[in-house]
Every structure is written in C-alpha cells, then in structure tokens.
Amino acid sequence: MIILANEQDIPALVGLWEEAFDEDELVRDFYDKAFMEMSVLIVKNEQRIVSMLHYMPCRYEEGGVVHKGVYLYA
C-alpha cells in the first residue's frame, strides 16, 4: 500500500533511514525540522514501512520564467 506519511510515522521513517544509510541521530533533527516542508510517500507491508520517497517543492528561474518542480530523494 502506497500512502502519504504523517507525523506519527516519523519514528518508523527515522528507523528505516538509519537502517538503510547507517547514519546517526542527525536524521532525527532532519525530520523534526523539515517534515512540515516536505511530503513523504511510504510503502507499507503489514503495517511496517518498507520504502519511502521524499519530495520537497522547489522552483528555479530561467530567462525570467519561474518553473515549479519537486526535489526527490531517499
């Protein structure tokens, strides 16, 4: 099942990130500070998050024209 993550999913997102990327608690700060500015799609398998895709709104300007987009990662 693919759904949009919510704040209650943050502990599981942190756990999956730490498992996948072997990073320390800095990722907890990342979620605390950035979660409201991004969206996270998650894949759940029997109530466990097994995959995630982060995307943040962004924009760039080229020749005086502003283009909207999203930045995808993890």
PDB file of N, CA and C in Angstrom:
ATOM      1  N   MET A   1       0.838  -1.158   0.000  1.00  0.00           N
ATOM      2  CA  MET A   1       0.000   0.000   0.000  1.00  0.00           C
ATOM      3  C   MET A   1       0.898   1.241   0.000  1.00  0.00           C
ATOM      4  N   ILE A   2       0.676   2.150  -0.921  1.00  0.00           N
ATOM      5  CA  ILE A   2       1.433   3.406  -1.002  1.00  0.00           C
ATOM      6  C   ILE A   2       0.545   4.519  -0.462  1.00  0.00           C
ATOM      7  N   ILE A   3       1.049   5.210   0.563  1.00  0.00           N
ATOM      8  CA  ILE A   3       0.283   6.285   1.188  1.00  0.00           C
ATOM      9  C   ILE A   3       1.215   7.443   1.531  1.00  0.00           C
ATOM     10  N   LEU A   4       0.618   8.559   1.898  1.00  0.00           N
ATOM     11  CA  LEU A   4       1.364   9.734   2.332  1.00  0.00           C
ATOM     12  C   LEU A   4       1.639   9.610   3.824  1.00  0.00           C
ATOM     13  N   ALA A   5       2.876   9.782   4.228  1.00  0.00           N
ATOM     14  CA  ALA A   5       3.249   9.669   5.634  1.00  0.00           C
ATOM     15  C   ALA A   5       2.677  10.836   6.436  1.00  0.00           C
ATOM     16  N   ASN A   6       2.506  10.596   7.732  1.00  0.00           N
ATOM     17  CA  ASN A   6       2.089  11.665   8.635  1.00  0.00           C
ATOM     18  C   ASN A   6       3.068  11.713   9.817  1.00  0.00           C
ATOM     19  N   GLU A   7       2.840  12.640  10.717  1.00  0.00           N
ATOM     20  CA  GLU A   7       3.785  12.830  11.824  1.00  0.00           C
ATOM     21  C   GLU A   7       3.940  11.585  12.693  1.00  0.00           C
ATOM     22  N   GLN A   8       2.914  10.771  12.802  1.00  0.00           N
ATOM     23  CA  GLN A   8       3.018   9.549  13.603  1.00  0.00           C
ATOM     24  C   GLN A   8       3.973   8.534  12.980  1.00  0.00           C
ATOM     25  N   ASP A   9       4.277   8.681  11.695  1.00  0.00           N
ATOM     26  CA  ASP A   9       5.199   7.770  11.012  1.00  0.00           C
ATOM     27  C   ASP A   9       6.666   8.142  11.207  1.00  0.00           C
ATOM     28  N   ILE A  10       6.942   9.299  11.791  1.00  0.00           N
ATOM     29  CA  ILE A  10       8.327   9.772  11.900  1.00  0.00           C
ATOM     30  C   ILE A  10       9.247   8.764  12.585  1.00  0.00           C
ATOM     31  N   PRO A  11       8.890   8.161  13.723  1.00  0.00           N
ATOM     32  CA  PRO A  11       9.814   7.188  14.322  1.00  0.00           C
ATOM     33  C   PRO A  11      10.164   6.034  13.376  1.00  0.00           C
ATOM     34  N   ALA A  12       9.195   5.536  12.622  1.00  0.00           N
ATOM     35  CA  ALA A  12       9.471   4.456  11.675  1.00  0.00           C
ATOM     36  C   ALA A  12      10.314   4.951  10.503  1.00  0.00           C
ATOM     37  N   LEU A  13      10.087   6.189  10.060  1.00  0.00           N
ATOM     38  CA  LEU A  13      10.897   6.753   8.979  1.00  0.00           C
ATOM     39  C   LEU A  13      12.345   6.904   9.423  1.00  0.00           C
ATOM     40  N   VAL A  14      12.541   7.384  10.637  1.00  0.00           N
ATOM     41  CA  VAL A  14      13.891   7.526  11.181  1.00  0.00           C
ATOM     42  C   VAL A  14      14.573   6.157  11.247  1.00  0.00           C
ATOM     43  N   GLY A  15      13.854   5.157  11.739  1.00  0.00           N
ATOM     44  CA  GLY A  15      14.415   3.811  11.840  1.00  0.00           C
ATOM     45  C   GLY A  15      14.811   3.245  10.495  1.00  0.00           C
ATOM     46  N   LEU A  16      13.946   3.422   9.488  1.00  0.00           N
ATOM     47  CA  LEU A  16      14.254   2.917   8.150  1.00  0.00           C
ATOM     48  C   LEU A  16      15.451   3.656   7.562  1.00  0.00           C
ATOM     49  N   TRP A  17      15.499   4.982   7.744  1.00  0.00           N
ATOM     50  CA  TRP A  17      16.626   5.782   7.243  1.00  0.00           C
ATOM     51  C   TRP A  17      17.935   5.302   7.872  1.00  0.00           C
ATOM     52  N   GLU A  18      17.918   5.132   9.201  1.00  0.00           N
ATOM     53  CA  GLU A  18      19.131   4.696   9.888  1.00  0.00           C
ATOM     54  C   GLU A  18      19.562   3.305   9.424  1.00  0.00           C
ATOM     55  N   GLU A  19      18.600   2.433   9.177  1.00  0.00           N
ATOM     56  CA  GLU A  19      18.913   1.081   8.692  1.00  0.00           C
ATOM     57  C   GLU A  19      19.506   1.123   7.280  1.00  0.00           C
ATOM     58  N   ALA A  20      18.932   1.943   6.421  1.00  0.00           N
ATOM     59  CA  ALA A  20      19.358   1.989   5.019  1.00  0.00           C
ATOM     60  C   ALA A  20      20.676   2.737   4.833  1.00  0.00           C
ATOM     61  N   PHE A  21      20.866   3.832   5.568  1.00  0.00           N
ATOM     62  CA  PHE A  21      22.013   4.702   5.327  1.00  0.00           C
ATOM     63  C   PHE A  21      23.052   4.688   6.446  1.00  0.00           C
ATOM     64  N   ASP A  22      22.798   3.953   7.501  1.00  0.00           N
ATOM     65  CA  ASP A  22      23.737   3.823   8.616  1.00  0.00           C
ATOM     66  C   ASP A  22      24.184   5.192   9.139  1.00  0.00           C
ATOM     67  N   GLU A  23      23.212   6.076   9.359  1.00  0.00           N
ATOM     68  CA  GLU A  23      23.514   7.409   9.866  1.00  0.00           C
ATOM     69  C   GLU A  23      23.060   7.526  11.310  1.00  0.00           C
ATOM     70  N   ASP A  24      23.591   8.523  11.997  1.00  0.00           N
ATOM     71  CA  ASP A  24      23.292   8.701  13.408  1.00  0.00           C
ATOM     72  C   ASP A  24      22.039   9.537  13.624  1.00  0.00           C
ATOM     73  N   GLU A  25      21.927  10.107  14.813  1.00  0.00           N
ATOM     74  CA  GLU A  25      20.703  10.813  15.176  1.00  0.00           C
ATOM     75  C   GLU A  25      20.491  12.132  14.447  1.00  0.00           C
ATOM     76  N   LEU A  26      21.395  12.556  13.602  1.00  0.00           N
ATOM     77  CA  LEU A  26      21.162  13.768  12.816  1.00  0.00           C
ATOM     78  C   LEU A  26      19.898  13.652  11.982  1.00  0.00           C
ATOM     79  N   VAL A  27      19.564  12.455  11.581  1.00  0.00           N
ATOM     80  CA  VAL A  27      18.356  12.264  10.790  1.00  0.00           C
ATOM     81  C   VAL A  27      17.111  12.614  11.609  1.00  0.00           C
ATOM     82  N   ARG A  28      17.157  12.419  12.913  1.00  0.00           N
ATOM     83  CA  ARG A  28      16.024  12.805  13.767  1.00  0.00           C
ATOM     84  C   ARG A  28      15.819  14.319  13.706  1.00  0.00           C
ATOM     85  N   ASP A  29      16.897  15.084  13.747  1.00  0.00           N
ATOM     86  CA  ASP A  29      16.790  16.535  13.616  1.00  0.00           C
ATOM     87  C   ASP A  29      16.221  16.923  12.263  1.00  0.00           C
ATOM     88  N   PHE A  30      16.653  16.220  11.223  1.00  0.00           N
ATOM     89  CA  PHE A  30      16.150  16.477   9.872  1.00  0.00           C
ATOM     90  C   PHE A  30      14.630  16.363   9.843  1.00  0.00           C
ATOM     91  N   TYR A  31      14.099  15.271  10.368  1.00  0.00           N
ATOM     92  CA  TYR A  31      12.643  15.088  10.357  1.00  0.00           C
ATOM     93  C   TYR A  31      11.936  16.095  11.250  1.00  0.00           C
ATOM     94  N   ASP A  32      12.509  16.424  12.388  1.00  0.00           N
ATOM     95  CA  ASP A  32      11.891  17.395  13.280  1.00  0.00           C
ATOM     96  C   ASP A  32      11.785  18.766  12.623  1.00  0.00           C
ATOM     97  N   LYS A  33      12.802  19.145  11.851  1.00  0.00           N
ATOM     98  CA  LYS A  33      12.834  20.483  11.259  1.00  0.00           C
ATOM     99  C   LYS A  33      12.190  20.558   9.880  1.00  0.00           C
ATOM    100  N   ALA A  34      12.248  19.481   9.110  1.00  0.00           N
ATOM    101  CA  ALA A  34      11.844  19.569   7.706  1.00  0.00           C
ATOM    102  C   ALA A  34      10.535  18.863   7.372  1.00  0.00           C
ATOM    103  N   PHE A  35       9.982  18.095   8.280  1.00  0.00           N
ATOM    104  CA  PHE A  35       8.831  17.265   7.925  1.00  0.00           C
ATOM    105  C   PHE A  35       7.656  18.086   7.405  1.00  0.00           C
ATOM    106  N   MET A  36       7.391  19.245   7.972  1.00  0.00           N
ATOM    107  CA  MET A  36       6.249  20.049   7.556  1.00  0.00           C
ATOM    108  C   MET A  36       6.471  20.713   6.193  1.00  0.00           C
ATOM    109  N   GLU A  37       7.712  20.752   5.706  1.00  0.00           N
ATOM    110  CA  GLU A  37       8.004  21.390   4.428  1.00  0.00           C
ATOM    111  C   GLU A  37       8.109  20.391   3.280  1.00  0.00           C
ATOM    112  N   MET A  38       7.948  19.116   3.575  1.00  0.00           N
ATOM    113  CA  MET A  38       8.089  18.105   2.538  1.00  0.00           C
ATOM    114  C   MET A  38       6.954  17.104   2.638  1.00  0.00           C
ATOM    115  N   SER A  39       6.873  16.257   1.663  1.00  0.00           N
ATOM    116  CA  SER A  39       5.930  15.150   1.679  1.00  0.00           C
ATOM    117  C   SER A  39       6.731  13.862   1.558  1.00  0.00           C
ATOM    118  N   VAL A  40       6.239  12.817   2.181  1.00  0.00           N
ATOM    119  CA  VAL A  40       6.914  11.537   2.132  1.00  0.00           C
ATOM    120  C   VAL A  40       5.902  10.474   1.742  1.00  0.00           C
ATOM    121  N   LEU A  41       6.141   9.852   0.600  1.00  0.00           N
ATOM    122  CA  LEU A  41       5.332   8.697   0.219  1.00  0.00           C
ATOM    123  C   LEU A  41       5.969   7.467   0.831  1.00  0.00           C
ATOM    124  N   ILE A  42       5.150   6.599   1.407  1.00  0.00           N
ATOM    125  CA  ILE A  42       5.684   5.393   2.024  1.00  0.00           C
ATOM    126  C   ILE A  42       4.975   4.167   1.471  1.00  0.00           C
ATOM    127  N   VAL A  43       5.683   3.062   1.486  1.00  0.00           N
ATOM    128  CA  VAL A  43       5.102   1.773   1.132  1.00  0.00           C
ATOM    129  C   VAL A  43       5.039   0.966   2.415  1.00  0.00           C
ATOM    130  N   LYS A  44       3.829   0.520   2.764  1.00  0.00           N
ATOM    131  CA  LYS A  44       3.654  -0.280   3.975  1.00  0.00           C
ATOM    132  C   LYS A  44       3.353  -1.720   3.586  1.00  0.00           C
ATOM    133  N   ASN A  45       3.971  -2.618   4.309  1.00  0.00           N
ATOM    134  CA  ASN A  45       3.751  -4.050   4.132  1.00  0.00           C
ATOM    135  C   ASN A  45       3.417  -4.613   5.508  1.00  0.00           C
ATOM    136  N   GLU A  46       2.169  -4.969   5.724  1.00  0.00           N
ATOM    137  CA  GLU A  46       1.718  -5.479   7.024  1.00  0.00           C
ATOM    138  C   GLU A  46       2.043  -4.503   8.148  1.00  0.00           C
ATOM    139  N   GLN A  47       1.694  -3.243   7.969  1.00  0.00           N
ATOM    140  CA  GLN A  47       1.854  -2.175   8.958  1.00  0.00           C
ATOM    141  C   GLN A  47       3.296  -1.757   9.203  1.00  0.00           C
ATOM    142  N   ARG A  48       4.247  -2.245   8.427  1.00  0.00           N
ATOM    143  CA  ARG A  48       5.650  -1.836   8.563  1.00  0.00           C
ATOM    144  C   ARG A  48       6.041  -1.042   7.320  1.00  0.00           C
ATOM    145  N   ILE A  49       6.716   0.089   7.512  1.00  0.00           N
ATOM    146  CA  ILE A  49       7.184   0.879   6.381  1.00  0.00           C
ATOM    147  C   ILE A  49       8.397   0.173   5.788  1.00  0.00           C
ATOM    148  N   VAL A  50       8.323  -0.145   4.503  1.00  0.00           N
ATOM    149  CA  VAL A  50       9.416  -0.858   3.843  1.00  0.00           C
ATOM    150  C   VAL A  50      10.113  -0.013   2.783  1.00  0.00           C
ATOM    151  N   SER A  51       9.542   1.139   2.438  1.00  0.00           N
ATOM    152  CA  SER A  51      10.146   2.005   1.441  1.00  0.00           C
ATOM    153  C   SER A  51       9.603   3.418   1.630  1.00  0.00           C
ATOM    154  N   MET A  52      10.403   4.404   1.210  1.00  0.00           N
ATOM    155  CA  MET A  52       9.953   5.789   1.314  1.00  0.00           C
ATOM    156  C   MET A  52      10.562   6.631   0.194  1.00  0.00           C
ATOM    157  N   LEU A  53       9.842   7.667  -0.185  1.00  0.00           N
ATOM    158  CA  LEU A  53      10.295   8.615  -1.190  1.00  0.00           C
ATOM    159  C   LEU A  53       9.949  10.009  -0.675  1.00  0.00           C
ATOM    160  N   HIS A  54      10.947  10.840  -0.495  1.00  0.00           N
ATOM    161  CA  HIS A  54      10.757  12.204  -0.019  1.00  0.00           C
ATOM    162  C   HIS A  54      10.672  13.138  -1.216  1.00  0.00           C
ATOM    163  N   TYR A  55       9.792  14.129  -1.135  1.00  0.00           N
ATOM    164  CA  TYR A  55       9.790  15.164  -2.158  1.00  0.00           C
ATOM    165  C   TYR A  55       9.434  16.509  -1.535  1.00  0.00           C
ATOM    166  N   MET A  56      10.214  17.503  -1.964  1.00  0.00           N
ATOM    167  CA  MET A  56      10.045  18.860  -1.463  1.00  0.00           C
ATOM    168  C   MET A  56       9.757  19.785  -2.636  1.00  0.00           C
ATOM    169  N   PRO A  57       8.809  20.695  -2.463  1.00  0.00           N
ATOM    170  CA  PRO A  57       8.551  21.670  -3.520  1.00  0.00           C
ATOM    171  C   PRO A  57       9.784  22.531  -3.755  1.00  0.00           C
ATOM    172  N   CYS A  58      10.046  22.838  -4.989  1.00  0.00           N
ATOM    173  CA  CYS A  58      11.145  23.736  -5.319  1.00  0.00           C
ATOM    174  C   CYS A  58      10.782  24.507  -6.580  1.00  0.00           C
ATOM    175  N   ARG A  59      11.622  25.447  -6.922  1.00  0.00           N
ATOM    176  CA  ARG A  59      11.415  26.201  -8.166  1.00  0.00           C
ATOM    177  C   ARG A  59      12.755  26.734  -8.632  1.00  0.00           C
ATOM    178  N   TYR A  60      12.823  27.005  -9.901  1.00  0.00           N
ATOM    179  CA  TYR A  60      14.026  27.627 -10.438  1.00  0.00           C
ATOM    180  C   TYR A  60      13.599  28.624 -11.499  1.00  0.00           C
ATOM    181  N   GLU A  61      14.479  29.581 -11.739  1.00  0.00           N
ATOM    182  CA  GLU A  61      14.175  30.629 -12.707  1.00  0.00           C
ATOM    183  C   GLU A  61      15.150  30.536 -13.862  1.00  0.00           C
ATOM    184  N   GLU A  62      14.598  30.622 -15.052  1.00  0.00           N
ATOM    185  CA  GLU A  62      15.412  30.576 -16.262  1.00  0.00           C
ATOM    186  C   GLU A  62      14.843  31.584 -17.251  1.00  0.00           C
ATOM    187  N   GLY A  63      15.662  32.529 -17.631  1.00  0.00           N
ATOM    188  CA  GLY A  63      15.224  33.537 -18.597  1.00  0.00           C
ATOM    189  C   GLY A  63      14.033  34.339 -18.114  1.00  0.00           C
ATOM    190  N   GLY A  64      13.967  34.583 -16.808  1.00  0.00           N
ATOM    191  CA  GLY A  64      12.863  35.362 -16.255  1.00  0.00           C
ATOM    192  C   GLY A  64      11.590  34.564 -16.024  1.00  0.00           C
ATOM    193  N   VAL A  65      11.607  33.278 -16.334  1.00  0.00           N
ATOM    194  CA  VAL A  65      10.432  32.424 -16.144  1.00  0.00           C
ATOM    195  C   VAL A  65      10.678  31.506 -14.946  1.00  0.00           C
ATOM    196  N   VAL A  66       9.723  31.465 -14.019  1.00  0.00           N
ATOM    197  CA  VAL A  66       9.832  30.611 -12.840  1.00  0.00           C
ATOM    198  C   VAL A  66       9.184  29.263 -13.150  1.00  0.00           C
ATOM    199  N   HIS A  67       9.945  28.203 -12.913  1.00  0.00           N
ATOM    200  CA  HIS A  67       9.459  26.841 -13.128  1.00  0.00           C
ATOM    201  C   HIS A  67       9.292  26.167 -11.772  1.00  0.00           C
ATOM    202  N   LYS A  68       8.134  25.556 -11.552  1.00  0.00           N
ATOM    203  CA  LYS A  68       7.907  24.814 -10.312  1.00  0.00           C
ATOM    204  C   LYS A  68       8.281  23.366 -10.512  1.00  0.00           C
ATOM    205  N   GLY A  69       8.699  22.726  -9.435  1.00  0.00           N
ATOM    206  CA  GLY A  69       9.052  21.319  -9.501  1.00  0.00           C
ATOM    207  C   GLY A  69       9.119  20.718  -8.115  1.00  0.00           C
ATOM    208  N   VAL A  70       9.643  19.532  -8.046  1.00  0.00           N
ATOM    209  CA  VAL A  70       9.872  18.877  -6.755  1.00  0.00           C
ATOM    210  C   VAL A  70      11.269  18.261  -6.757  1.00  0.00           C
ATOM    211  N   TYR A  71      11.864  18.230  -5.576  1.00  0.00           N
ATOM    212  CA  TYR A  71      13.162  17.617  -5.383  1.00  0.00           C
ATOM    213  C   TYR A  71      12.927  16.248  -4.758  1.00  0.00           C
ATOM    214  N   LEU A  72      13.357  15.198  -5.445  1.00  0.00           N
ATOM    215  CA  LEU A  72      13.161  13.823  -4.977  1.00  0.00           C
ATOM    216  C   LEU A  72      14.442  13.287  -4.370  1.00  0.00           C
ATOM    217  N   TYR A  73      14.324  12.550  -3.253  1.00  0.00           N
ATOM    218  CA  TYR A  73      15.479  11.898  -2.665  1.00  0.00           C
ATOM    219  C   TYR A  73      15.040  10.779  -1.724  1.00  0.00           C
ATOM    220  N   ALA A  74      15.991   9.942  -1.385  1.00  0.00           N
ATOM    221  CA  ALA A  74      15.823   8.822  -0.449  1.00  0.00           C
ATOM    222  C   ALA A  74      14.592   8.024  -0.771  1.00  0.00           C
TER     223      ALA A  74
END
